[in-house]
């Protein structure tokens, strides 16, 4: 089956246990955190089995992700010093973001996180002995102290604060370019999701919010977050920015928004959802 005919929302079945030899397979190739793309393709797609053979990519490790329309899909960790094959380019996931639909973005993000988890957990963090595959799930086991190491997921909140027809958007201090987004931050130990929303908004821009409404979530592989999205209403306070985190923040009328995320990200979907509500 051609990749262009696949609907990942329906056709992807996650899996852990590697199947036997197959005549067809797909491969997401990752080298030093970058994704191998085909220059001549208008949209990203994984390599097929024949392309993997022709390119003679030096494989460090291969991880089974599941089946796509019955065809095994693998995340491939390639040599970090590998040269780009002719007609192919290694790109960062961020640079591919604008050219990906959300299911493909999520799939590449999954592959990237699993490759990085495997690379970072070759040794036990407690005793230092080499770890080994557990053999029954997505984990590595220390045979010495019997500890298991799973891919790390960091819960984070992301919130769109609104004041009638105005949206609060901020430009992160470390962002490249003049780009505004919603507020976000990691959940701290011992903290509920709702408490994290109130704390992050107060810390970053100095205001209080009310009427939190859960919106949706998104896996965000930069590096390993699960973004939990909320709408919130402005309650009180003046904007006081946390300078090490926020370079600029302001209220923007929804008809006059600055450069902001596309709907492939949860930040963009929060913004577009609130605009839809206003216009309804």
Protein backbone atom coordinates (compact mmCIF):
# COMPACT_ATOMS: atom_id res chain seq x y z
CA UNK A 1 0.00 0.00 0.00
CA UNK A 2 1.24 3.50 -0.87
CA UNK A 3 1.85 5.78 2.12
CA UNK A 4 -0.29 8.50 0.52
CA UNK A 5 -3.37 6.23 0.72
CA UNK A 6 -2.96 5.56 4.44
CA UNK A 7 -5.11 7.23 7.10
CA UNK A 8 -3.01 7.02 10.26
CA UNK A 9 -6.03 7.76 12.46
CA UNK A 10 -7.52 4.44 11.34
CA UNK A 11 -4.67 2.37 9.92
CA UNK A 12 -2.03 2.60 12.68
CA UNK A 13 -2.14 -0.16 15.29
CA UNK A 14 0.52 0.36 18.02
CA UNK A 15 2.62 -2.60 19.09
CA UNK A 16 5.70 -3.58 21.09
CA UNK A 17 6.71 -7.13 20.16
CA UNK A 18 8.68 -7.27 16.92
CA UNK A 19 7.10 -9.48 14.24
CA UNK A 20 9.05 -11.99 12.18
CA UNK A 21 10.45 -11.43 8.70
CA UNK A 22 8.07 -9.57 6.40
CA UNK A 23 8.13 -8.68 2.73
CA UNK A 24 7.19 -5.04 3.41
CA UNK A 25 8.02 -2.55 6.14
CA UNK A 26 8.17 1.19 6.85
CA UNK A 27 11.08 2.92 8.61
CA UNK A 28 11.33 6.31 10.37
CA UNK A 29 15.07 7.00 10.30
CA UNK A 30 16.49 9.23 13.04
CA UNK A 31 20.11 10.36 13.28
CA UNK A 32 21.29 12.63 16.10
CA UNK A 33 17.69 13.70 16.76
CA UNK A 34 16.93 14.58 13.12
CA UNK A 35 14.46 12.88 10.78
CA UNK A 36 15.38 11.58 7.33
CA UNK A 37 13.17 13.12 4.63
CA UNK A 38 12.96 12.56 0.89
CA UNK A 39 13.74 15.72 -1.09
CA UNK A 40 11.43 14.91 -4.00
CA UNK A 41 8.34 14.14 -1.89
CA UNK A 42 5.87 17.00 -1.30
CA UNK A 43 5.07 15.55 2.13
CA UNK A 44 7.15 13.55 4.57
CA UNK A 45 6.87 9.78 4.47
CA UNK A 46 8.91 6.95 6.02
CA UNK A 47 11.34 4.89 3.99
CA UNK A 48 10.20 1.52 2.70
CA UNK A 49 12.14 -1.72 2.96
CA UNK A 50 13.75 -1.40 -0.48
CA UNK A 51 14.95 2.14 0.25
CA UNK A 52 16.55 0.98 3.49
CA UNK A 53 18.51 -1.66 1.56
CA UNK A 54 19.58 0.68 -1.25
CA UNK A 55 20.76 3.46 1.05
CA UNK A 56 22.78 1.07 3.24
CA UNK A 57 22.01 3.09 6.36
CA UNK A 58 24.16 2.11 9.34
CA UNK A 59 21.55 1.04 11.90
CA UNK A 60 22.42 1.24 15.61
CA UNK A 61 19.06 0.00 16.85
CA UNK A 62 15.57 -0.60 15.44
CA UNK A 63 12.34 -0.33 17.44
CA UNK A 64 9.01 -1.80 16.37
CA UNK A 65 6.22 0.80 16.70
CA UNK A 66 3.27 -1.19 15.36
CA UNK A 67 1.52 -1.90 12.07
CA UNK A 68 0.34 0.61 9.46
CA UNK A 69 -2.35 -0.98 7.30
CA UNK A 70 -0.85 -4.37 8.24
CA UNK A 71 2.73 -3.33 7.40
CA UNK A 72 5.30 -3.22 10.25
CA UNK A 73 6.62 0.24 11.12
CA UNK A 74 10.01 0.76 12.79
CA UNK A 75 11.85 3.66 14.40
CA UNK A 76 15.46 3.38 13.25
CA UNK A 77 18.33 4.88 15.22
CA UNK A 78 21.03 5.57 12.65
CA UNK A 79 24.68 6.49 13.15
CA UNK A 80 24.72 10.08 14.52
CA UNK A 81 27.59 10.89 12.15
CA UNK A 82 25.80 9.48 9.10
CA UNK A 83 25.99 11.50 5.90
CA UNK A 84 22.82 12.47 4.08
CA UNK A 85 22.17 10.08 1.19
CA UNK A 86 21.82 11.78 -2.18
CA UNK A 87 18.24 12.96 -2.59
CA UNK A 88 17.53 12.80 1.15
CA UNK A 89 17.85 15.33 3.99
CA UNK A 90 18.01 15.12 7.77
CA UNK A 91 15.59 17.70 9.21
CA UNK A 92 14.60 18.64 12.75
CA UNK A 93 11.04 17.76 13.72
CA UNK A 94 10.34 21.46 14.36
CA UNK A 95 11.34 22.33 10.80
CA UNK A 96 8.97 19.63 9.48
CA UNK A 97 6.07 20.78 11.67
CA UNK A 98 4.46 23.14 9.15
CA UNK A 99 4.47 20.40 6.49
CA UNK A 100 2.95 17.63 8.62
CA UNK A 101 -0.59 16.65 9.45
CA UNK A 102 -1.14 15.94 13.13
CA UNK A 103 -1.19 12.08 12.91
CA UNK A 104 2.15 12.05 11.08
CA UNK A 105 3.61 14.56 13.54
CA UNK A 106 2.51 12.40 16.47
CA UNK A 107 3.94 9.27 14.87
CA UNK A 108 7.35 10.83 14.21
CA UNK A 109 7.31 12.27 17.72
CA UNK A 110 6.66 8.80 19.13
CA UNK A 111 9.56 7.37 17.13
CA UNK A 112 11.91 10.17 18.20
CA UNK A 113 11.08 9.78 21.89
CA UNK A 114 11.54 5.99 21.83
CA UNK A 115 14.92 6.31 20.10
CA UNK A 116 16.07 8.90 22.64
CA UNK A 117 14.77 6.88 25.60
CA UNK A 118 16.63 3.78 24.42
CA UNK A 119 19.85 5.75 23.87
CA UNK A 120 19.65 7.38 27.33
CA UNK A 121 18.90 4.20 29.30
CA UNK A 122 21.65 1.82 28.28
CA UNK A 123 22.83 1.77 31.91
CA UNK A 124 20.98 1.56 35.20
CA UNK A 125 20.69 4.89 36.99
CA UNK A 126 21.02 3.17 40.37
CA UNK A 127 23.91 0.70 40.03
CA UNK A 128 25.41 1.60 36.64
CA UNK A 129 25.16 -1.91 35.18
CA UNK A 130 24.06 -2.34 31.52
CA UNK A 131 20.31 -2.65 31.05
CA UNK A 132 18.56 -5.09 28.73
CA UNK A 133 15.16 -5.29 27.02
CA UNK A 134 12.43 -6.48 29.38
CA UNK A 135 10.97 -8.69 26.66
CA UNK A 136 7.30 -8.04 27.39
CA UNK A 137 6.65 -4.29 27.18
CA UNK A 138 8.31 -0.96 26.25
CA UNK A 139 10.90 -0.98 29.01
CA UNK A 140 14.50 -1.82 29.83
CA UNK A 141 15.48 -3.81 32.90
CA UNK A 142 18.53 -3.80 35.11
CA UNK A 143 19.37 -7.49 35.76
CA UNK A 144 21.37 -6.52 38.85
CA UNK A 145 18.86 -4.48 40.89
CA UNK A 146 15.68 -5.45 39.00
CA UNK A 147 14.69 -1.86 38.19
CA UNK A 148 12.63 -1.09 35.08
CA UNK A 149 13.06 2.00 32.92
CA UNK A 150 10.15 3.19 30.77
CA UNK A 151 10.00 6.06 28.27
CA UNK A 152 9.64 9.24 30.31
CA UNK A 153 6.52 11.38 29.84
CA UNK A 154 6.43 14.85 31.44
CA UNK A 155 2.90 16.24 32.03
CA UNK A 156 2.59 19.90 31.07
CA UNK A 157 -0.24 22.42 30.95
CA UNK A 158 -1.00 24.82 28.13
CA UNK A 159 -3.70 27.45 28.56
CA UNK A 160 -5.41 30.12 26.49
CA UNK A 161 -6.49 33.00 28.73
CA UNK A 162 -9.31 35.11 27.31
CA UNK A 163 -10.91 38.42 28.32
CA UNK A 164 -14.08 38.78 26.27
CA UNK A 165 -12.84 39.18 22.67
CA UNK A 166 -9.18 39.59 23.63
CA UNK A 167 -6.71 36.70 23.85
CA UNK A 168 -3.58 36.72 26.01
CA UNK A 169 -0.60 35.65 23.91
CA UNK A 170 3.06 35.70 24.83
CA UNK A 171 6.41 35.52 23.07
CA UNK A 172 8.76 33.13 24.91
CA UNK A 173 12.15 34.56 25.80
CA UNK A 174 13.94 31.70 24.02
CA UNK A 175 11.74 31.64 20.93
CA UNK A 176 13.20 32.25 17.50
CA UNK A 177 11.57 35.07 15.58
CA UNK A 178 8.58 37.21 16.47
CA UNK A 179 6.20 34.41 17.38
CA UNK A 180 3.40 34.49 19.98
CA UNK A 181 1.68 31.56 21.64
CA UNK A 182 -0.39 30.51 24.64
CA UNK A 183 1.09 30.07 28.12
CA UNK A 184 2.53 26.69 29.09
CA UNK A 185 4.63 24.98 31.72
CA UNK A 186 5.49 21.71 33.42
CA UNK A 187 3.47 20.23 36.27
CA UNK A 188 5.48 20.15 39.51
CA UNK A 189 5.62 17.21 41.97
CA UNK A 190 2.64 17.11 44.32
CA UNK A 191 0.62 19.46 42.13
CA UNK A 192 -2.70 18.93 40.39
CA UNK A 193 -3.19 19.92 36.76
CA UNK A 194 -5.52 22.75 37.79
CA UNK A 195 -3.05 24.06 40.36
CA UNK A 196 -0.36 24.04 37.67
CA UNK A 197 -2.51 26.23 35.40
CA UNK A 198 -3.08 28.85 38.11
CA UNK A 199 0.59 28.81 39.18
CA UNK A 200 2.06 29.03 35.68
CA UNK A 201 -0.20 31.93 34.67
CA UNK A 202 0.62 33.83 37.87
CA UNK A 203 4.35 33.15 37.57
CA UNK A 204 4.67 34.02 33.89
CA UNK A 205 2.34 37.03 33.54
CA UNK A 206 1.18 37.95 37.05
CA UNK A 207 -2.60 37.58 36.68
CA UNK A 208 -5.32 35.40 38.17
CA UNK A 209 -7.67 33.25 36.10
CA UNK A 210 -10.97 31.47 36.72
CA UNK A 211 -13.40 29.01 35.10
CA UNK A 212 -10.82 26.54 33.84
CA UNK A 213 -12.20 24.32 31.07
CA UNK A 214 -10.31 21.28 29.86
CA UNK A 215 -9.96 21.27 26.07
CA UNK A 216 -7.80 18.35 24.86
CA UNK A 217 -4.27 16.94 25.01
CA UNK A 218 -1.36 16.43 22.66
CA UNK A 219 1.88 14.48 22.82
CA UNK A 220 4.64 17.05 22.35
CA UNK A 221 8.09 15.53 21.74
CA UNK A 222 10.18 18.57 22.69
CA UNK A 223 11.54 16.63 24.39
CA UNK A 224 8.88 14.36 25.98
CA UNK A 225 5.82 16.31 27.13
CA UNK A 226 2.15 15.47 27.27
CA UNK A 227 0.40 18.83 26.84
CA UNK A 228 -2.94 19.15 28.68
CA UNK A 229 -4.85 22.06 27.18
CA UNK A 230 -7.23 24.45 28.92
CA UNK A 231 -9.34 27.51 28.28
CA UNK A 232 -9.43 30.03 31.14
CA UNK A 233 -11.06 33.39 31.82
CA UNK A 234 -9.18 36.44 33.07
CA UNK A 235 -10.10 37.29 36.67
CA UNK A 236 -7.81 40.06 37.93
CA UNK A 237 -4.36 41.63 37.91
CA UNK A 238 -2.02 43.54 35.62
CA UNK A 239 0.53 41.92 33.31
CA UNK A 240 3.87 41.50 35.09
CA UNK A 241 6.20 39.35 33.01
CA UNK A 242 8.64 36.71 34.23
CA UNK A 243 11.52 38.05 32.14
CA UNK A 244 13.58 34.86 32.03
CA UNK A 245 10.57 33.03 30.51
CA UNK A 246 8.49 35.68 28.70
CA UNK A 247 9.95 38.32 26.37
CA UNK A 248 6.64 39.98 25.54
CA UNK A 249 2.93 39.45 26.30
CA UNK A 250 -0.25 41.38 25.57
CA UNK A 251 -3.99 41.18 24.97
CA UNK A 252 -4.90 40.85 21.29
CA UNK A 253 -8.34 41.20 19.75
CA UNK A 254 -9.19 37.99 17.93
CA UNK A 255 -9.47 39.91 14.63
CA UNK A 256 -5.92 41.22 15.02
CA UNK A 257 -3.71 38.38 16.20
CA UNK A 258 0.08 38.32 15.80
CA UNK A 259 2.01 35.45 14.22
CA UNK A 260 0.81 32.39 16.16
CA UNK A 261 0.87 28.55 16.01
CA UNK A 262 -0.94 26.57 13.32
CA UNK A 263 -3.74 24.12 14.24
CA UNK A 264 -1.33 21.17 14.02
CA UNK A 265 -0.30 22.16 17.56
CA UNK A 266 -2.61 22.25 20.56
CA UNK A 267 -1.77 25.94 21.04
CA UNK A 268 -3.13 26.68 17.58
CA UNK A 269 -6.21 24.56 18.19
CA UNK A 270 -6.95 26.38 21.46
CA UNK A 271 -6.82 29.72 19.64
CA UNK A 272 -8.94 28.58 16.71
CA UNK A 273 -11.48 26.92 19.02
CA UNK A 274 -12.00 30.11 21.02
CA UNK A 275 -12.38 32.17 17.83
CA UNK A 276 -14.95 29.65 16.59
CA UNK A 277 -16.90 30.06 19.82
CA UNK A 278 -16.85 33.85 19.56
CA UNK A 279 -18.03 33.84 15.97
CA UNK A 280 -20.78 31.31 16.73
